[in-house]
C-alpha atoms as a PDB file:
ATOM      1  CA  MET A   1     124.533  69.478 111.687  1.00  0.00           C
ATOM      2  CA  PRO A   2     124.539  68.307 108.047  1.00  0.00           C
ATOM      3  CA  PRO A   3     127.823  66.840 106.862  1.00  0.00           C
ATOM      4  CA  ARG A   4     130.107  69.047 104.844  1.00  0.00           C
ATOM      5  CA  LEU A   5     131.715  67.911 101.635  1.00  0.00           C
ATOM      6  CA  GLN A   6     135.467  67.706 102.062  1.00  0.00           C
ATOM      7  CA  LEU A   7     137.689  69.296  99.464  1.00  0.00           C
ATOM      8  CA  LEU A   8     139.684  66.953  97.388  1.00  0.00           C
ATOM      9  CA  SER A   9     143.301  66.769  98.513  1.00  0.00           C
ATOM     10  CA  LEU A  10     145.422  67.115  95.397  1.00  0.00           C
ATOM     11  CA  PRO A  11     149.253  67.161  95.131  1.00  0.00           C
ATOM     12  CA  ARG A  12     150.586  70.720  95.069  1.00  0.00           C
ATOM     13  CA  PRO A  13     153.942  71.733  93.522  1.00  0.00           C
ATOM     14  CA  GLN A  14     156.644  73.514  95.439  1.00  0.00           C
ATOM     15  CA  GLY A  15     156.321  77.254  95.754  1.00  0.00           C
ATOM     16  CA  TRP A  16     152.590  77.264  95.152  1.00  0.00           C
ATOM     17  CA  PHE A  17     152.111  79.673  98.035  1.00  0.00           C
ATOM     18  CA  SER A  18     154.536  82.287  96.712  1.00  0.00           C
ATOM     19  CA  LYS A  19     153.335  85.473  95.065  1.00  0.00           C
ATOM     20  CA  THR A  20     155.276  84.797  91.918  1.00  0.00           C
ATOM     21  CA  ALA A  21     154.026  81.229  91.549  1.00  0.00           C
ATOM     22  CA  GLN A  22     151.603  80.438  88.782  1.00  0.00           C
ATOM     23  CA  PRO A  23     148.065  79.445  89.783  1.00  0.00           C
ATOM     24  CA  PHE A  24     147.647  75.710  90.157  1.00  0.00           C
ATOM     25  CA  ASN A  25     145.332  74.321  87.485  1.00  0.00           C
ATOM     26  CA  SER A  26     143.787  70.926  88.164  1.00  0.00           C
ATOM     27  CA  PRO A  27     141.264  68.931  86.115  1.00  0.00           C
ATOM     28  CA  LEU A  28     138.850  69.282  89.089  1.00  0.00           C
ATOM     29  CA  SER A  29     139.466  72.930  89.797  1.00  0.00           C
ATOM     30  CA  PHE A  30     136.099  73.920  88.297  1.00  0.00           C
ATOM     31  CA  LEU A  31     134.353  72.086  91.164  1.00  0.00           C
ATOM     32  CA  LEU A  32     135.937  74.206  93.901  1.00  0.00           C
ATOM     33  CA  PRO A  33     133.346  77.074  93.821  1.00  0.00           C
ATOM     34  CA  GLN A  34     130.472  74.569  93.877  1.00  0.00           C
ATOM     35  CA  LEU A  35     131.978  72.637  96.767  1.00  0.00           C
ATOM     36  CA  GLN A  36     132.452  75.804  98.766  1.00  0.00           C
ATOM     37  CA  GLN A  37     128.743  76.642  98.377  1.00  0.00           C
ATOM     38  CA  GLN A  38     127.718  73.331  99.999  1.00  0.00           C
ATOM     39  CA  SER A  39     128.676  74.460 103.499  1.00  0.00           C
ATOM     40  CA  ARG A  40     125.688  74.948 105.842  1.00  0.00           C
ATOM     41  CA  ASN A  41     125.418  76.326 109.331  1.00  0.00           C
ATOM     42  CA  ALA A  42     123.955  74.581 112.391  1.00  0.00           C
ATOM     43  CA  HIS A  43     121.635  77.482 113.298  1.00  0.00           C
ATOM     44  CA  ILE A  44     119.287  76.505 110.407  1.00  0.00           C
ATOM     45  CA  LEU A  45     118.054  73.464 112.338  1.00  0.00           C
ATOM     46  CA  ALA A  46     117.451  75.584 115.411  1.00  0.00           C
ATOM     47  CA  SER A  47     115.218  77.988 113.477  1.00  0.00           C
ATOM     48  CA  LEU A  48     112.857  75.380 112.017  1.00  0.00           C
ATOM     49  CA  SER A  49     109.181  75.929 112.872  1.00  0.00           C
ATOM     50  CA  ASP A  50     105.785  74.764 111.694  1.00  0.00           C
ATOM     51  CA  ASN A  51     103.251  76.913 109.893  1.00  0.00           C
ATOM     52  CA  PRO A  52     101.290  79.343 112.088  1.00  0.00           C
ATOM     53  CA  GLY A  53      98.199  77.640 113.474  1.00  0.00           C
ATOM     54  CA  ALA A  54      99.400  74.132 112.639  1.00  0.00           C
ATOM     55  CA  TYR A  55      99.208  73.055 116.280  1.00  0.00           C
ATOM     56  CA  SER A  56      97.737  74.402 119.482  1.00  0.00           C
ATOM     57  CA  LYS A  57      99.619  74.922 122.701  1.00  0.00           C
ATOM     58  CA  LYS A  58      98.960  72.201 125.247  1.00  0.00           C
ATOM     59  CA  ILE A  59      97.791  72.981 128.745  1.00  0.00           C
ATOM     60  CA  ARG A  60     100.521  72.333 131.323  1.00  0.00           C
ATOM     61  CA  ARG A  61      98.539  70.815 134.160  1.00  0.00           C
ATOM     62  CA  GLY A  62      99.751  71.533 137.666  1.00  0.00           C
ATOM     63  CA  ARG A  63     102.117  74.363 136.655  1.00  0.00           C
ATOM     64  CA  GLY A  64     100.172  77.256 138.140  1.00  0.00           C
ATOM     65  CA  PRO A  65     100.117  80.453 136.105  1.00  0.00           C
ATOM     66  CA  ALA A  66     102.577  78.870 133.659  1.00  0.00           C
ATOM     67  CA  SER A  67      99.804  76.597 132.412  1.00  0.00           C
ATOM     68  CA  GLY A  68      98.171  79.460 130.545  1.00  0.00           C
ATOM     69  CA  LYS A  69      94.853  78.772 132.261  1.00  0.00           C
ATOM     70  CA  GLY A  70      95.387  80.631 135.515  1.00  0.00           C
ATOM     71  CA  LYS A  71      96.580  79.515 138.912  1.00  0.00           C
ATOM     72  CA  THR A  72      94.326  76.448 139.143  1.00  0.00           C
ATOM     73  CA  SER A  73      94.451  75.516 135.442  1.00  0.00           C
ATOM     74  CA  GLY A  74      90.705  75.760 135.074  1.00  0.00           C
ATOM     75  CA  ARG A  75      89.928  73.276 137.862  1.00  0.00           C
ATOM     76  CA  GLY A  76      88.643  75.765 140.410  1.00  0.00           C
ATOM     77  CA  HIS A  77      89.388  75.919 144.129  1.00  0.00           C
ATOM     78  CA  LYS A  78      89.427  72.731 146.205  1.00  0.00           C
ATOM     79  CA  GLY A  79      86.845  70.018 145.898  1.00  0.00           C
ATOM     80  CA  GLN A  80      86.896  66.437 144.682  1.00  0.00           C
ATOM     81  CA  LYS A  81      86.930  67.391 141.010  1.00  0.00           C
ATOM     82  CA  GLN A  82      90.158  69.330 141.470  1.00  0.00           C
ATOM     83  CA  HIS A  83      91.965  66.764 143.596  1.00  0.00           C
ATOM     84  CA  GLY A  84      91.023  63.624 141.684  1.00  0.00           C
ATOM     85  CA  LYS A  85      88.608  61.963 139.297  1.00  0.00           C
ATOM     86  CA  VAL A  86      84.869  61.438 139.858  1.00  0.00           C
ATOM     87  CA  PRO A  87      83.262  58.293 138.429  1.00  0.00           C
ATOM     88  CA  THR A  88      80.379  58.621 136.000  1.00  0.00           C
ATOM     89  CA  GLY A  89      77.056  58.729 137.816  1.00  0.00           C
ATOM     90  CA  PHE A  90      78.647  59.473 141.212  1.00  0.00           C
ATOM     91  CA  ASN A  91      76.044  61.108 143.450  1.00  0.00           C
ATOM     92  CA  GLY A  92      78.072  62.295 146.419  1.00  0.00           C
ATOM     93  CA  GLY A  93      78.219  58.920 148.169  1.00  0.00           C
ATOM     94  CA  GLN A  94      74.480  58.312 148.102  1.00  0.00           C
ATOM     95  CA  THR A  95      72.878  55.300 146.483  1.00  0.00           C
ATOM     96  CA  PRO A  96      73.426  55.620 142.704  1.00  0.00           C
ATOM     97  CA  GLU A  97      70.450  56.583 140.551  1.00  0.00           C
ATOM     98  CA  ASN A  98      70.683  53.435 138.448  1.00  0.00           C
ATOM     99  CA  VAL A  99      70.298  51.356 141.639  1.00  0.00           C
ATOM    100  CA  VAL A 100      67.356  53.354 143.008  1.00  0.00           C
ATOM    101  CA  HIS A 101      65.383  53.726 139.772  1.00  0.00           C
ATOM    102  CA  GLY A 102      66.933  50.972 137.677  1.00  0.00           C
ATOM    103  CA  GLU A 103      68.522  51.094 134.250  1.00  0.00           C
ATOM    104  CA  ARG A 104      66.123  51.938 131.452  1.00  0.00           C
ATOM    105  CA  GLY A 105      66.807  51.882 127.757  1.00  0.00           C
ATOM    106  CA  PHE A 106      69.949  50.954 125.866  1.00  0.00           C
ATOM    107  CA  THR A 107      71.823  51.842 122.720  1.00  0.00           C
ATOM    108  CA  ASN A 108      71.517  49.301 119.931  1.00  0.00           C
ATOM    109  CA  ILE A 109      74.881  49.270 118.177  1.00  0.00           C
ATOM    110  CA  PHE A 110      73.506  47.215 115.272  1.00  0.00           C
ATOM    111  CA  THR A 111      70.818  49.715 114.260  1.00  0.00           C
ATOM    112  CA  ALA A 112      71.496  51.633 111.057  1.00  0.00           C
ATOM    113  CA  ASP A 113      71.534  55.405 111.454  1.00  0.00           C
ATOM    114  CA  LEU A 114      68.820  56.391 108.945  1.00  0.00           C
ATOM    115  CA  ALA A 115      67.469  59.847 108.142  1.00  0.00           C
ATOM    116  CA  PRO A 116      63.652  60.059 108.394  1.00  0.00           C
ATOM    117  CA  ALA A 117      61.641  61.337 105.419  1.00  0.00           C
ATOM    118  CA  ASN A 118      57.882  61.794 105.878  1.00  0.00           C
ATOM    119  CA  LEU A 119      55.312  61.835 103.091  1.00  0.00           C
ATOM    120  CA  ASP A 120      53.818  65.182 104.071  1.00  0.00           C
ATOM    121  CA  ARG A 121      57.224  66.853 103.832  1.00  0.00           C
ATOM    122  CA  ILE A 122      57.898  65.252 100.436  1.00  0.00           C
ATOM    123  CA  GLN A 123      54.500  66.475  99.167  1.00  0.00           C
ATOM    124  CA  GLU A 124      55.289  69.984 100.431  1.00  0.00           C
ATOM    125  CA  TRP A 125      58.603  69.931  98.557  1.00  0.00           C
ATOM    126  CA  ILE A 126      56.791  68.785  95.391  1.00  0.00           C
ATOM    127  CA  ASP A 127      54.266  71.650  95.715  1.00  0.00           C
ATOM    128  CA  GLN A 128      57.138  74.125  96.013  1.00  0.00           C
ATOM    129  CA  GLY A 129      58.802  72.737  92.892  1.00  0.00           C
ATOM    130  CA  ARG A 130      61.878  71.531  94.741  1.00  0.00           C
ATOM    131  CA  ILE A 131      61.335  67.847  93.811  1.00  0.00           C
ATOM    132  CA  ASP A 132      60.283  66.549  90.395  1.00  0.00           C
ATOM    133  CA  PRO A 133      57.641  63.810  90.874  1.00  0.00           C
ATOM    134  CA  THR A 134      58.009  62.564  87.278  1.00  0.00           C
ATOM    135  CA  ARG A 135      61.545  61.337  88.015  1.00  0.00           C
ATOM    136  CA  PRO A 136      62.556  58.656  90.545  1.00  0.00           C
ATOM    137  CA  ILE A 137      63.060  60.189  93.988  1.00  0.00           C
ATOM    138  CA  THR A 138      66.288  58.861  95.504  1.00  0.00           C
ATOM    139  CA  VAL A 139      68.579  59.804  98.362  1.00  0.00           C
ATOM    140  CA  ARG A 140      70.352  62.262  96.040  1.00  0.00           C
ATOM    141  CA  GLU A 141      67.193  64.223  95.229  1.00  0.00           C
ATOM    142  CA  LEU A 142      66.110  64.254  98.867  1.00  0.00           C
ATOM    143  CA  ALA A 143      69.486  65.541 100.064  1.00  0.00           C
ATOM    144  CA  GLN A 144      70.061  68.104  97.311  1.00  0.00           C
ATOM    145  CA  SER A 145      66.579  69.561  97.783  1.00  0.00           C
ATOM    146  CA  ARG A 146      67.227  69.752 101.556  1.00  0.00           C
ATOM    147  CA  CYS A 147      64.232  67.568 102.277  1.00  0.00           C
ATOM    148  CA  ILE A 148      66.662  65.668 104.508  1.00  0.00           C
ATOM    149  CA  HIS A 149      69.712  67.365 105.953  1.00  0.00           C
ATOM    150  CA  GLN A 150      72.091  64.440 106.466  1.00  0.00           C
ATOM    151  CA  PRO A 151      71.680  61.148 104.546  1.00  0.00           C
ATOM    152  CA  LYS A 152      73.849  59.326 107.141  1.00  0.00           C
ATOM    153  CA  GLU A 153      73.600  55.574 106.341  1.00  0.00           C
ATOM    154  CA  GLY A 154      70.382  55.842 104.333  1.00  0.00           C
ATOM    155  CA  VAL A 155      66.818  57.142 104.337  1.00  0.00           C
ATOM    156  CA  LYS A 156      63.707  55.634 105.913  1.00  0.00           C
ATOM    157  CA  LEU A 157      60.335  56.580 104.449  1.00  0.00           C
ATOM    158  CA  LEU A 158      57.635  57.289 107.047  1.00  0.00           C
ATOM    159  CA  GLY A 159      53.900  57.687 106.454  1.00  0.00           C
ATOM    160  CA  ARG A 160      53.099  60.874 108.358  1.00  0.00           C
ATOM    161  CA  GLY A 161      50.040  62.458 106.802  1.00  0.00           C
ATOM    162  CA  GLY A 162      48.079  59.319 105.899  1.00  0.00           C
ATOM    163  CA  GLU A 163      47.038  57.855 102.587  1.00  0.00           C
ATOM    164  CA  GLY A 164      45.376  61.017 101.260  1.00  0.00           C
ATOM    165  CA  ILE A 165      48.447  63.236 101.617  1.00  0.00           C
ATOM    166  CA  LEU A 166      49.931  62.522  98.162  1.00  0.00           C
ATOM    167  CA  LYS A 167      48.337  64.377  95.267  1.00  0.00           C
ATOM    168  CA  GLN A 168      50.203  62.540  92.491  1.00  0.00           C
ATOM    169  CA  PRO A 169      51.985  59.196  92.106  1.00  0.00           C
ATOM    170  CA  ILE A 170      55.669  59.134  93.036  1.00  0.00           C
ATOM    171  CA  HIS A 171      58.328  56.494  92.519  1.00  0.00           C
ATOM    172  CA  ILE A 172      60.782  56.541  95.403  1.00  0.00           C
ATOM    173  CA  VAL A 173      63.886  54.474  96.231  1.00  0.00           C
ATOM    174  CA  VAL A 174      64.937  54.503  99.887  1.00  0.00           C
ATOM    175  CA  SER A 175      66.803  52.300 102.347  1.00  0.00           C
ATOM    176  CA  ARG A 176      63.707  51.266 104.310  1.00  0.00           C
ATOM    177  CA  ALA A 177      60.018  52.123 104.438  1.00  0.00           C
ATOM    178  CA  SER A 178      57.227  51.677 106.950  1.00  0.00           C
ATOM    179  CA  ALA A 179      54.083  49.733 106.137  1.00  0.00           C
ATOM    180  CA  SER A 180      51.905  52.864 106.328  1.00  0.00           C
ATOM    181  CA  ALA A 181      54.211  54.745 103.930  1.00  0.00           C
ATOM    182  CA  ILE A 182      54.145  51.885 101.417  1.00  0.00           C
ATOM    183  CA  ALA A 183      50.356  51.725 101.566  1.00  0.00           C
ATOM    184  CA  ALA A 184      50.024  55.516 101.091  1.00  0.00           C
ATOM    185  CA  VAL A 185      52.381  55.651  98.108  1.00  0.00           C
ATOM    186  CA  GLU A 186      50.786  52.677  96.359  1.00  0.00           C
ATOM    187  CA  ALA A 187      47.284  54.041  97.045  1.00  0.00           C
ATOM    188  CA  ALA A 188      48.283  57.163  95.080  1.00  0.00           C
ATOM    189  CA  GLY A 189      49.487  55.018  92.161  1.00  0.00           C
ATOM    190  CA  GLY A 190      53.205  55.162  92.932  1.00  0.00           C
ATOM    191  CA  SER A 191      55.808  52.608  93.930  1.00  0.00           C
ATOM    192  CA  VAL A 192      58.317  52.106  96.731  1.00  0.00           C
ATOM    193  CA  THR A 193      61.594  50.219  96.345  1.00  0.00           C
ATOM    194  CA  THR A 194      64.001  49.618  99.206  1.00  0.00           C
ATOM    195  CA  ARG A 195      67.712  49.484  98.376  1.00  0.00           C
ATOM    196  CA  PHE A 196      70.795  48.670 100.463  1.00  0.00           C
ATOM    197  CA  TYR A 197      73.298  51.513 100.972  1.00  0.00           C
ATOM    198  CA  THR A 198      76.479  52.171 102.920  1.00  0.00           C
ATOM    199  CA  ARG A 199      78.035  55.435 104.071  1.00  0.00           C
ATOM    200  CA  SER A 200      80.709  55.355 101.375  1.00  0.00           C
ATOM    201  CA  ALA A 201      78.118  54.496  98.715  1.00  0.00           C
ATOM    202  CA  ILE A 202      75.976  57.488  99.682  1.00  0.00           C
ATOM    203  CA  VAL A 203      79.002  59.788  99.480  1.00  0.00           C
ATOM    204  CA  ARG A 204      79.748  58.547  95.956  1.00  0.00           C
ATOM    205  CA  ILE A 205      76.085  58.897  94.972  1.00  0.00           C
ATOM    206  CA  MET A 206      76.121  62.513  96.115  1.00  0.00           C
ATOM    207  CA  ASN A 207      79.300  63.094  94.068  1.00  0.00           C
ATOM    208  CA  ARG A 208      77.632  61.495  91.005  1.00  0.00           C
ATOM    209  CA  GLU A 209      80.170  58.682  90.920  1.00  0.00           C
ATOM    210  CA  MET A 210      77.569  55.935  91.467  1.00  0.00           C
ATOM    211  CA  HIS A 211      73.990  55.336  90.323  1.00  0.00           C
ATOM    212  CA  PRO A 212      71.393  55.509  93.127  1.00  0.00           C
ATOM    213  CA  PHE A 213      69.747  52.144  92.426  1.00  0.00           C
ATOM    214  CA  VAL A 214      70.959  50.431  89.223  1.00  0.00           C
ATOM    215  CA  SER A 215      73.271  47.478  89.972  1.00  0.00           C
ATOM    216  CA  MET A 216      73.998  43.903  88.913  1.00  0.00           C
ATOM    217  CA  ALA A 217      71.042  42.627  90.941  1.00  0.00           C
ATOM    218  CA  TRP A 218      68.705  45.164  89.321  1.00  0.00           C
ATOM    219  CA  THR A 219      66.526  43.715  86.584  1.00  0.00           C
ATOM    220  CA  THR A 220      63.133  44.487  85.133  1.00  0.00           C
ATOM    221  CA  LYS A 221      61.631  42.203  87.789  1.00  0.00           C
ATOM    222  CA  SER A 222      63.109  44.154  90.681  1.00  0.00           C
ATOM    223  CA  GLY A 223      61.139  47.279  91.471  1.00  0.00           C
ATOM    224  CA  SER A 224      58.082  48.336  89.501  1.00  0.00           C
ATOM    225  CA  GLU A 225      57.620  48.893  85.795  1.00  0.00           C
ATOM    226  CA  ASP A 226      56.638  52.498  86.478  1.00  0.00           C
ATOM    227  CA  LEU A 227      60.028  53.090  88.103  1.00  0.00           C
ATOM    228  CA  HIS A 228      61.757  51.801  84.978  1.00  0.00           C
ATOM    229  CA  LYS A 229      59.637  54.053  82.782  1.00  0.00           C
ATOM    230  CA  ALA A 230      60.383  57.044  85.014  1.00  0.00           C
ATOM    231  CA  GLU A 231      64.098  56.308  84.668  1.00  0.00           C
ATOM    232  CA  GLY A 232      63.694  56.330  80.879  1.00  0.00           C
ATOM    233  CA  ALA A 233      64.399  52.659  80.185  1.00  0.00           C
ATOM    234  CA  GLU A 234      62.680  51.001  77.261  1.00  0.00           C
ATOM    235  CA  GLY A 235      63.025  47.269  77.529  1.00  0.00           C
ATOM    236  CA  ALA A 236      65.073  44.969  79.702  1.00  0.00           C
ATOM    237  CA  GLU A 237      68.385  45.667  77.956  1.00  0.00           C
ATOM    238  CA  ALA A 238      68.245  49.441  78.351  1.00  0.00           C
ATOM    239  CA  LEU A 239      68.428  49.577  82.154  1.00  0.00           C
ATOM    240  CA  THR A 240      71.480  47.454  82.858  1.00  0.00           C
ATOM    241  CA  GLU A 241      74.525  48.237  84.918  1.00  0.00           C
ATOM    242  CA  SER A 242      76.962  48.211  81.999  1.00  0.00           C
ATOM    243  CA  ASN A 243      74.824  50.508  79.839  1.00  0.00           C
ATOM    244  CA  ILE A 244      74.166  52.966  82.645  1.00  0.00           C
ATOM    245  CA  MET A 245      77.835  53.166  83.701  1.00  0.00           C
ATOM    246  CA  LYS A 246      78.955  53.576  80.092  1.00  0.00           C
ATOM    247  CA  GLU A 247      76.452  56.274  79.130  1.00  0.00           C
ATOM    248  CA  MET A 248      76.500  58.338  82.338  1.00  0.00           C
ATOM    249  CA  GLY A 249      80.171  57.844  83.219  1.00  0.00           C
ATOM    250  CA  PHE A 250      79.820  56.278  86.651  1.00  0.00           C
ATOM    251  CA  GLN A 251      83.030  54.949  88.203  1.00  0.00           C
ATOM    252  CA  TYR A 252      81.781  52.661  90.981  1.00  0.00           C
ATOM    253  CA  ARG A 253      79.178  49.929  91.373  1.00  0.00           C
ATOM    254  CA  LEU A 254      76.589  49.787  94.100  1.00  0.00           C
ATOM    255  CA  PRO A 255      77.347  47.339  96.925  1.00  0.00           C
ATOM    256  CA  ASP A 256      75.026  44.522  97.919  1.00  0.00           C
ATOM    257  CA  PRO A 257      74.303  43.407 101.490  1.00  0.00           C
ATOM    258  CA  THR A 258      76.538  40.792 103.061  1.00  0.00           C
ATOM    259  CA  LYS A 259      74.900  40.336 106.472  1.00  0.00           C
ATOM    260  CA  ARG A 260      72.093  37.835 106.831  1.00  0.00           C
ATOM    261  CA  ARG A 261      69.798  40.381 108.491  1.00  0.00           C
ATOM    262  CA  ASP A 262      70.117  42.809 105.575  1.00  0.00           C
ATOM    263  CA  ILE A 263      69.786  40.116 102.921  1.00  0.00           C
ATOM    264  CA  GLU A 264      66.564  38.815 104.451  1.00  0.00           C
ATOM    265  CA  TYR A 265      65.134  42.333 104.690  1.00  0.00           C
ATOM    266  CA  TYR A 266      65.690  43.143 101.016  1.00  0.00           C
ATOM    267  CA  ARG A 267      64.455  39.709  99.937  1.00  0.00           C
ATOM    268  CA  ASP A 268      61.093  40.322 101.591  1.00  0.00           C
ATOM    269  CA  PRO A 269      58.319  41.435  99.166  1.00  0.00           C
ATOM    270  CA  ALA A 270      56.458  43.012 102.084  1.00  0.00           C
ATOM    271  CA  HIS A 271      59.341  45.482 102.442  1.00  0.00           C
ATOM    272  CA  ARG A 272      59.426  46.020  98.653  1.00  0.00           C
ATOM    273  CA  GLY A 273      63.045  44.889  98.628  1.00  0.00           C
ATOM    274  CA  TYR A 274      65.017  45.037  95.413  1.00  0.00           C
ATOM    275  CA  LEU A 275      66.054  41.370  95.872  1.00  0.00           C
ATOM    276  CA  SER A 276      62.507  40.056  96.192  1.00  0.00           C
ATOM    277  CA  HIS A 277      62.535  38.871  92.561  1.00  0.00           C
ATOM    278  CA  LEU A 278      65.110  36.235  93.526  1.00  0.00           C
ATOM    279  CA  LEU A 279      62.581  34.279  95.579  1.00  0.00           C
ATOM    280  CA  LYS A 280      61.402  30.987  94.169  1.00  0.00           C
ATOM    281  CA  PRO A 281      57.772  29.810  94.311  1.00  0.00           C
ATOM    282  CA  MET A 282      56.639  28.979  97.842  1.00  0.00           C
ATOM    283  CA  GLU A 283      59.907  30.410  99.226  1.00  0.00           C
ATOM    284  CA  GLY A 284      60.150  32.936 102.035  1.00  0.00           C
ATOM    285  CA  PRO A 285      62.765  35.662 102.551  1.00  0.00           C
ATOM    286  CA  SER A 286      64.525  33.708 105.321  1.00  0.00           C
ATOM    287  CA  LEU A 287      67.867  32.118 104.497  1.00  0.00           C
ATOM    288  CA  PHE A 288      67.456  29.524 107.244  1.00  0.00           C
ATOM    289  CA  PHE A 289      64.002  28.071 106.628  1.00  0.00           C
ATOM    290  CA  ARG A 290      63.565  26.407 103.248  1.00  0.00           C
ATOM    291  CA  SER A 291      60.380  26.269 101.256  1.00  0.00           C
ATOM    292  CA  PRO A 292      58.418  23.004 100.915  1.00  0.00           C
ATOM    293  CA  VAL A 293      59.547  22.737  97.296  1.00  0.00           C
ATOM    294  CA  GLY A 294      63.179  23.115  98.334  1.00  0.00           C
ATOM    295  CA  ARG A 295      62.878  20.545 101.087  1.00  0.00           C
ATOM    296  CA  LYS A 296      61.375  17.996  98.700  1.00  0.00           C
ATOM    297  CA  SER A 297      64.065  18.567  96.103  1.00  0.00           C
ATOM    298  CA  THR A 298      66.880  18.111  98.630  1.00  0.00           C
ATOM    299  CA  ALA A 299      65.259  15.066 100.240  1.00  0.00           C
ATOM    300  CA  GLY A 300      65.190  13.150  96.942  1.00  0.00           C
ATOM    301  CA  VAL A 301      63.124  10.063  96.182  1.00  0.00           C
ATOM    302  CA  LYS A 302      62.392   7.924  99.196  1.00  0.00           C
ATOM    303  CA  LYS A 303      63.165   4.248  98.591  1.00  0.00           C
ATOM    304  CA  GLU A 304      60.847   1.608  99.922  1.00  0.00           C
ATOM    305  CA  LYS A 305      62.412  -1.016 102.126  1.00  0.00           C
ATOM    306  CA  VAL A 306      62.019  -4.546 100.709  1.00  0.00           C
ATOM    307  CA  LEU A 307      62.042  -7.354 103.247  1.00  0.00           C
ATOM    308  CA  PRO A 308      63.145 -10.895 102.354  1.00  0.00           C
ATOM    309  CA  GLU A 309      60.498 -13.606 101.957  1.00  0.00           C
ATOM    310  CA  ASN A 310      61.616 -15.751 104.905  1.00  0.00           C
ATOM    311  CA  ARG A 311      61.018 -13.009 107.496  1.00  0.00           C
ATOM    312  CA  LEU A 312      57.860 -13.074 109.630  1.00  0.00           C
ATOM    313  CA  TRP A 313      57.879  -9.407 110.597  1.00  0.00           C
END
């Protein structure tokens, strides 16, 4: 029960309770009506309740009809599943299936969950006018046109349809691309650029809070010149992160990969990675193996050993 405010105890003159006595006037008498309104009753706490539908009633297991799910609470009559728990893959006491036939397949927890996008489907969307081939095709255009239903962690371009499926050159930016898809797009005169994305980055791209491919690592060397022209950039200074964020009002910057596996993938020119322009001459995409030029520079100049004159060997 909430505490009540106690009335101030003030000295009272004699005869204050008589009918003929004058009303007692105190400097704090104007507070008496307000203090009397502060009293609260305990039944208010007992009547508190949440909004309708805010929570669901729990099933009271083992309470019979009081559970709300019937006499057996949805477990049925008798049997092992009603009396206790059954392990996963239990086959009634026989030899388990994974022992008889062996375990096949596994779930790779390191694989990125990518949405597939095939070339024949993209060409069909272009024929229907749902995708503009004169503009760069990114994850935003693919998702808004419903060419892919869920972007997930990115998009992987696949080459279903062959090299002759594309009727016009396209410039596409995706997370990953197969070798057949890259060959088909470049045979039609287009370009493929692979870019690193995360789930949060894709959400911000869909909300137009982040550019699909322009970042600090993006320069005129990364990607193709046709992609820069399709974006509307004239010169190296036009397509920079600061200019794009200032003109189009983007709030966030695109993230770059931090894992070695992702960095090596986007440094590989064979994958058309956006970091492939960072490679030095005679250098591969691997971060472990150095190029011959790098090994010579780190080794330095080898000094010849000079032996004294009085030594025979």
